[in-house]
Amino acid sequence: MERVAVAFSGGVDSTTLLKAAVETLGRSAVLALTSVAPSVPRREVEQAKTLAQDMGVQLIELLTDELENPLYLINDANRCYFCKNTLFRDCLTVSRQYGIDHVLYGAILDDLGDVRPGMRAARELHIRGPLAEAQFEKDDVRQLARYWQLNVWDKPASACLASRVARGVKVTAETLSMVERSEDFLHDLGFLQVRVRHHDGHSARIEVNPNDILRVAERAEEIHAFLRGVGYRHISLDLGGYRQGSLNTEPVTERSLS
């Protein structure tokens, strides 16, 4: 490909892809493009900047405007398509300004079995996923990241903040801020894998790893007080624990913290 731009989130998949591009083409032939939007946790942006700097790769922050798209705001099953369509179009625009013909993203084989409307946007815009093309699954990515001593090799899966908002509930900057502040608080308490599912303007459902459920319950009063301060009136703990894409399925039994 000679020169590439990588849609770079700072997660283990895109970080491994960025490192592979640097190892293959050299850092001067690689550009990292990171979305800066209300749907992207700021701590993820900061980590992406640090990772790119450590690799010696130029990083450009893209001020994407998916919140201007009414089709994105209605938050139906195609929300991710409209988000990725906006992101990838911005990536193509910037990459062409730098004379780069190829835009890459960190798709892997595991993604093919999940609900990923964004992959349709990638196909339509000819965005390449070299890890998936090389038949890489998550375990393969983590092993390679560990071999390259990337400190995100065991980083929990992440996703945009809008993925926490139940379908049909309008996505707004305020909603995304509520989710981010709540998750940041839980991260700061030491919970590594956390989702705060936003079901409407006043209800939040907390998901953590199953072995952390009792720890959340032990700090229920503290957590409840903070999320109430954020703006939630009803806060529950999902007894099923964290499940990727759980808002795509029926909710499981919950334990009220309110």
Protein backbone atom coordinates (compact mmCIF):
# COMPACT_ATOMS: atom_id res chain seq x y z
CA MET A 1 0.00 0.00 0.00
CA GLU A 2 3.09 2.23 0.42
CA ARG A 3 1.32 4.86 2.57
CA VAL A 4 -1.73 4.43 4.82
CA ALA A 5 -4.02 6.29 7.19
CA VAL A 6 -5.38 4.31 10.14
CA ALA A 7 -8.70 5.11 11.82
CA PHE A 8 -7.23 4.93 15.30
CA SER A 9 -9.25 4.64 18.51
CA GLY A 10 -6.50 3.49 20.87
CA GLY A 11 -8.13 0.10 21.43
CA VAL A 12 -6.11 -3.08 21.12
CA ASP A 13 -7.27 -3.79 17.54
CA SER A 14 -6.49 -0.40 16.01
CA THR A 15 -3.29 -0.08 18.06
CA THR A 16 -2.03 -3.42 16.80
CA LEU A 17 -2.99 -2.43 13.26
CA LEU A 18 -1.14 0.89 13.60
CA LYS A 19 1.94 -0.90 14.92
CA ALA A 20 1.78 -3.40 12.04
CA ALA A 21 1.63 -0.52 9.57
CA VAL A 22 4.66 1.13 11.18
CA GLU A 23 6.61 -2.15 11.20
CA THR A 24 5.75 -2.78 7.54
CA LEU A 25 5.94 0.67 5.96
CA GLY A 26 7.87 2.85 8.41
CA ARG A 27 6.45 5.58 10.64
CA SER A 28 6.79 8.31 8.00
CA ALA A 29 4.37 6.41 5.74
CA VAL A 30 1.66 6.10 8.39
CA LEU A 31 -0.92 8.62 9.59
CA ALA A 32 -3.22 8.07 12.59
CA LEU A 33 -6.69 9.63 12.47
CA THR A 34 -8.63 9.83 15.73
CA SER A 35 -12.23 10.96 16.12
CA VAL A 36 -12.91 13.67 18.69
CA ALA A 37 -16.64 13.82 19.27
CA PRO A 38 -19.11 13.78 22.17
CA SER A 39 -19.55 10.04 21.60
CA VAL A 40 -15.84 9.31 22.16
CA PRO A 41 -14.62 9.17 25.79
CA ARG A 42 -11.97 11.81 26.32
CA ARG A 43 -9.77 9.35 28.20
CA GLU A 44 -9.72 7.18 25.05
CA VAL A 45 -8.61 10.14 22.92
CA GLU A 46 -5.81 10.96 25.34
CA GLN A 47 -4.61 7.36 25.36
CA ALA A 48 -4.67 7.25 21.56
CA LYS A 49 -2.51 10.38 21.42
CA THR A 50 0.01 8.84 23.83
CA LEU A 51 0.16 5.57 21.88
CA ALA A 52 0.70 7.33 18.56
CA GLN A 53 3.39 9.50 20.10
CA ASP A 54 5.16 6.44 21.52
CA MET A 55 5.23 4.93 18.00
CA GLY A 56 6.42 8.19 16.47
CA VAL A 57 3.33 8.44 14.28
CA GLN A 58 1.65 11.72 13.38
CA LEU A 59 -1.88 11.86 14.78
CA ILE A 60 -4.64 14.12 13.55
CA GLU A 61 -7.80 14.70 15.59
CA LEU A 62 -10.96 14.67 13.50
CA LEU A 63 -13.81 16.83 14.79
CA THR A 64 -16.57 14.60 13.46
CA ASP A 65 -20.13 15.95 13.40
CA GLU A 66 -22.40 12.90 13.56
CA LEU A 67 -24.63 14.73 16.06
CA GLU A 68 -25.64 17.00 13.17
CA ASN A 69 -27.19 14.05 11.34
CA PRO A 70 -30.88 13.53 12.31
CA LEU A 71 -30.68 9.91 11.12
CA TYR A 72 -27.96 9.30 13.70
CA LEU A 73 -29.85 11.06 16.48
CA ILE A 74 -32.95 8.87 16.22
CA ASN A 75 -30.74 5.98 17.32
CA ASP A 76 -32.22 3.04 15.48
CA ALA A 77 -30.41 -0.14 14.42
CA ASN A 78 -28.45 1.81 11.79
CA ARG A 79 -26.94 4.41 14.13
CA CYS A 80 -23.48 2.89 13.88
CA TYR A 81 -23.70 3.03 10.08
CA PHE A 82 -24.27 6.78 10.08
CA CYS A 83 -21.49 7.32 12.62
CA LYS A 84 -18.92 5.27 10.72
CA ASN A 85 -20.03 6.77 7.41
CA THR A 86 -19.25 10.23 8.81
CA LEU A 87 -15.94 9.11 10.32
CA PHE A 88 -14.70 7.26 7.26
CA ARG A 89 -15.63 10.08 4.90
CA ASP A 90 -13.66 12.47 7.10
CA CYS A 91 -10.75 10.02 7.12
CA LEU A 92 -10.79 9.84 3.33
CA THR A 93 -10.87 13.62 3.01
CA VAL A 94 -7.87 14.10 5.30
CA SER A 95 -5.89 11.17 3.89
CA ARG A 96 -6.23 12.55 0.36
CA GLN A 97 -4.94 15.91 1.56
CA TYR A 98 -1.79 14.02 2.59
CA GLY A 99 -1.61 12.11 -0.68
CA ILE A 100 -2.62 8.82 0.94
CA ASP A 101 -4.88 6.45 -0.98
CA HIS A 102 -5.55 3.78 1.64
CA VAL A 103 -7.59 4.15 4.83
CA LEU A 104 -7.56 1.21 7.24
CA TYR A 105 -9.54 0.26 10.33
CA GLY A 106 -9.22 -2.38 13.02
CA ALA A 107 -11.91 -4.86 12.02
CA ILE A 108 -11.27 -8.48 13.07
CA LEU A 109 -13.03 -11.79 12.41
CA ASP A 110 -14.94 -11.61 15.71
CA ASP A 111 -16.73 -8.51 14.45
CA LEU A 112 -18.39 -10.50 11.67
CA GLY A 113 -20.51 -12.33 14.25
CA ASP A 114 -21.77 -9.16 15.97
CA VAL A 115 -24.23 -6.45 14.99
CA ARG A 116 -21.88 -4.07 13.14
CA PRO A 117 -23.68 -1.75 10.71
CA GLY A 118 -20.48 0.30 10.56
CA MET A 119 -18.84 -2.47 8.56
CA ARG A 120 -21.28 -1.74 5.74
CA ALA A 121 -20.07 1.85 5.68
CA ALA A 122 -16.50 0.56 5.46
CA ARG A 123 -17.32 -1.67 2.50
CA GLU A 124 -19.16 1.10 0.67
CA LEU A 125 -16.24 3.50 1.06
CA HIS A 126 -13.54 0.87 0.39
CA ILE A 127 -12.00 1.12 3.86
CA ARG A 128 -9.73 -1.87 4.39
CA GLY A 129 -9.54 -4.11 7.45
CA PRO A 130 -6.16 -5.87 7.19
CA LEU A 131 -6.52 -7.76 10.47
CA ALA A 132 -9.79 -9.35 9.36
CA GLU A 133 -8.32 -10.01 5.91
CA ALA A 134 -5.46 -11.85 7.63
CA GLN A 135 -8.03 -13.97 9.55
CA PHE A 136 -7.12 -12.44 12.92
CA GLU A 137 -9.41 -13.11 15.86
CA LYS A 138 -9.21 -11.25 19.18
CA ASP A 139 -6.83 -13.75 20.76
CA ASP A 140 -4.47 -13.40 17.78
CA VAL A 141 -4.51 -9.62 18.12
CA ARG A 142 -3.79 -9.74 21.84
CA GLN A 143 -0.91 -12.19 21.36
CA LEU A 144 0.70 -9.98 18.71
CA ALA A 145 0.15 -6.85 20.78
CA ARG A 146 1.80 -8.54 23.74
CA TYR A 147 4.71 -9.68 21.57
CA TRP A 148 5.18 -6.06 20.48
CA GLN A 149 4.93 -4.98 24.15
CA LEU A 150 1.96 -2.71 23.51
CA ASN A 151 0.55 -1.78 26.90
CA VAL A 152 -3.01 -2.14 25.61
CA TRP A 153 -2.61 -5.83 24.82
CA ASP A 154 -5.02 -6.78 27.64
CA LYS A 155 -7.19 -3.65 27.48
CA PRO A 156 -10.91 -4.44 27.87
CA ALA A 157 -13.14 -3.97 24.85
CA SER A 158 -14.41 -0.45 24.38
CA ALA A 159 -16.97 1.27 22.15
CA CYS A 160 -18.39 4.70 21.55
CA LEU A 161 -20.60 6.20 24.25
CA ALA A 162 -23.63 6.15 21.96
CA SER A 163 -23.55 2.34 22.11
CA ARG A 164 -24.71 2.67 25.73
CA VAL A 165 -27.94 4.43 24.73
CA ALA A 166 -30.95 2.15 24.24
CA ARG A 167 -32.34 2.05 20.74
CA GLY A 168 -35.05 4.59 20.14
CA VAL A 169 -33.76 6.93 22.84
CA LYS A 170 -32.46 10.08 21.18
CA VAL A 171 -28.70 10.53 21.30
CA THR A 172 -27.75 13.97 22.61
CA ALA A 173 -24.55 15.58 23.83
CA GLU A 174 -26.08 15.75 27.33
CA THR A 175 -26.89 12.03 27.34
CA LEU A 176 -23.40 11.11 26.20
CA SER A 177 -21.91 13.34 28.90
CA MET A 178 -24.02 11.62 31.57
CA VAL A 179 -22.76 8.23 30.45
CA GLU A 180 -19.13 9.35 30.24
CA ARG A 181 -19.12 10.98 33.68
CA SER A 182 -20.72 7.89 35.21
CA GLU A 183 -18.29 5.48 33.60
CA ASP A 184 -15.29 7.64 34.45
CA PHE A 185 -16.37 7.56 38.09
CA LEU A 186 -16.64 3.76 38.06
CA HIS A 187 -13.29 3.43 36.29
CA ASP A 188 -11.73 5.61 38.96
CA LEU A 189 -13.14 3.26 41.60
CA GLY A 190 -11.11 0.47 39.98
CA PHE A 191 -13.69 -1.23 37.73
CA LEU A 192 -11.89 -1.93 34.46
CA GLN A 193 -14.77 -3.29 32.39
CA VAL A 194 -17.77 -1.01 32.80
CA ARG A 195 -20.86 -0.04 30.86
CA VAL A 196 -23.53 2.39 32.04
CA ARG A 197 -26.52 1.62 29.83
CA HIS A 198 -28.76 4.64 29.36
CA HIS A 199 -32.37 3.49 29.00
CA ASP A 200 -34.12 6.87 29.05
CA GLY A 201 -33.54 10.30 30.47
CA HIS A 202 -33.58 9.05 34.06
CA SER A 203 -32.64 5.35 34.12
CA ALA A 204 -29.19 3.78 34.08
CA ARG A 205 -28.17 0.11 34.20
CA ILE A 206 -24.63 -0.72 35.32
CA GLU A 207 -22.76 -3.66 33.82
CA VAL A 208 -19.42 -4.87 35.18
CA ASN A 209 -17.54 -8.16 34.99
CA PRO A 210 -19.45 -10.84 36.95
CA ASN A 211 -16.67 -11.11 39.54
CA ASP A 212 -17.05 -7.38 40.24
CA ILE A 213 -20.79 -7.43 40.93
CA LEU A 214 -20.41 -7.84 44.68
CA ARG A 215 -17.86 -5.01 44.76
CA VAL A 216 -20.38 -2.70 43.11
CA ALA A 217 -23.05 -3.74 45.59
CA GLU A 218 -20.67 -3.03 48.48
CA ARG A 219 -20.23 0.54 47.19
CA ALA A 220 -23.87 0.94 46.17
CA GLU A 221 -24.52 4.01 48.32
CA GLU A 222 -21.49 5.88 46.93
CA ILE A 223 -22.25 4.91 43.33
CA HIS A 224 -25.92 5.70 43.68
CA ALA A 225 -25.17 9.17 45.05
CA PHE A 226 -22.79 10.02 42.23
CA LEU A 227 -25.09 8.84 39.42
CA ARG A 228 -27.99 10.70 41.02
CA GLY A 229 -25.81 13.78 40.90
CA VAL A 230 -25.17 13.17 37.21
CA GLY A 231 -28.92 13.20 36.60
CA TYR A 232 -30.13 9.60 36.87
CA ARG A 233 -33.12 8.87 39.10
CA HIS A 234 -33.20 5.09 38.77
CA ILE A 235 -29.94 3.13 38.90
CA SER A 236 -29.78 -0.66 38.64
CA LEU A 237 -27.07 -3.31 38.60
CA ASP A 238 -27.26 -5.99 35.91
CA LEU A 239 -26.87 -9.37 37.61
CA GLY A 240 -25.85 -10.92 34.29
CA GLY A 241 -22.67 -8.86 34.23
CA TYR A 242 -21.06 -7.16 31.25
CA ARG A 243 -22.07 -8.46 27.83
CA GLN A 244 -20.88 -6.88 24.60
CA GLY A 245 -23.81 -5.39 22.69
CA SER A 246 -26.32 -6.22 25.42
CA LEU A 247 -28.68 -3.47 24.28
CA ASN A 248 -29.20 -5.52 21.12
CA THR A 249 -30.94 -8.17 23.24
CA GLU A 250 -33.67 -8.27 25.85
CA PRO A 251 -32.53 -7.01 29.28
CA VAL A 252 -31.78 -9.55 31.98
CA THR A 253 -32.76 -9.53 35.65
CA GLU A 254 -31.59 -6.39 37.40
CA ARG A 255 -30.90 -5.57 41.01
CA SER A 256 -32.01 -2.10 42.05
CA LEU A 257 -29.54 0.27 43.74
CA SER A 258 -32.10 3.08 44.07
